[in-house]
């Protein structure tokens, strides 16, 4: 069949482009979720440190 080699090349190129687009979208959403989780983790760490400091201040005031 004439042109079948060209059709196969177009098909392969199209599939590769589709794979790259899907991979790019996946990486975008992964990074978005990762950044969100890191912000939430930082807030939890700050909250935990503040609670620990409050307990330490309270224990210090009780000792005096």
Protein backbone atom coordinates (compact mmCIF):
# COMPACT_ATOMS: atom_id res chain seq x y z
CA UNK A 1 0.00 0.00 0.00
CA UNK A 2 1.48 3.31 -1.03
CA UNK A 3 1.75 5.83 1.79
CA UNK A 4 1.43 3.29 4.58
CA UNK A 5 4.90 4.14 5.89
CA UNK A 6 3.97 7.81 6.07
CA UNK A 7 0.71 6.96 7.85
CA UNK A 8 2.59 4.89 10.41
CA UNK A 9 5.01 7.73 11.06
CA UNK A 10 2.11 10.16 11.54
CA UNK A 11 0.45 7.70 13.90
CA UNK A 12 3.64 7.24 15.95
CA UNK A 13 4.26 10.99 16.11
CA UNK A 14 0.65 11.61 17.17
CA UNK A 15 0.88 8.99 19.91
CA UNK A 16 4.15 10.46 21.18
CA UNK A 17 2.64 13.95 21.29
CA UNK A 18 -0.39 12.57 23.13
CA UNK A 19 1.89 10.83 25.65
CA UNK A 20 3.86 14.05 26.19
CA UNK A 21 0.67 16.06 26.73
CA UNK A 22 -0.73 13.55 29.20
CA UNK A 23 2.62 13.40 31.03
CA UNK A 24 2.82 17.18 31.18
CA UNK A 25 -0.69 17.48 32.60
CA UNK A 26 0.07 14.75 35.14
CA UNK A 27 3.25 16.48 36.28
CA UNK A 28 1.37 19.80 36.55
CA UNK A 29 -1.30 18.32 38.82
CA UNK A 30 1.31 16.41 40.83
CA UNK A 31 3.28 19.60 41.50
CA UNK A 32 0.11 21.49 42.37
CA UNK A 33 -0.87 18.82 44.91
CA UNK A 34 2.69 18.56 46.24
CA UNK A 35 2.91 22.31 46.89
CA UNK A 36 -0.49 22.28 48.60
CA UNK A 37 0.55 19.41 50.87
CA UNK A 38 3.84 21.12 51.74
CA UNK A 39 1.98 24.31 52.71
CA UNK A 40 -0.39 22.28 54.89
CA UNK A 41 2.54 20.44 56.46
CA UNK A 42 4.29 23.72 57.26
CA UNK A 43 1.11 25.00 58.92
CA UNK A 44 0.84 21.81 61.00
CA UNK A 45 4.47 22.10 62.08
CA UNK A 46 3.98 25.76 63.05
CA UNK A 47 0.80 24.93 64.97
CA UNK A 48 2.56 22.08 66.76
CA UNK A 49 5.52 24.31 67.68
CA UNK A 50 3.16 27.01 68.96
CA UNK A 51 1.31 24.48 71.10
CA UNK A 52 4.57 23.12 72.46
CA UNK A 53 5.75 26.65 73.29
CA UNK A 54 2.46 27.41 75.03
CA UNK A 55 2.80 24.27 77.15
CA UNK A 56 6.38 25.21 78.01
CA UNK A 57 5.32 28.75 79.03
CA UNK A 58 2.50 27.35 81.14
CA UNK A 59 4.80 24.85 82.83
CA UNK A 60 7.31 27.62 83.50
CA UNK A 61 4.66 29.88 85.05
CA UNK A 62 3.41 27.01 87.26
CA UNK A 63 6.96 26.35 88.52
CA UNK A 64 7.38 29.95 89.67
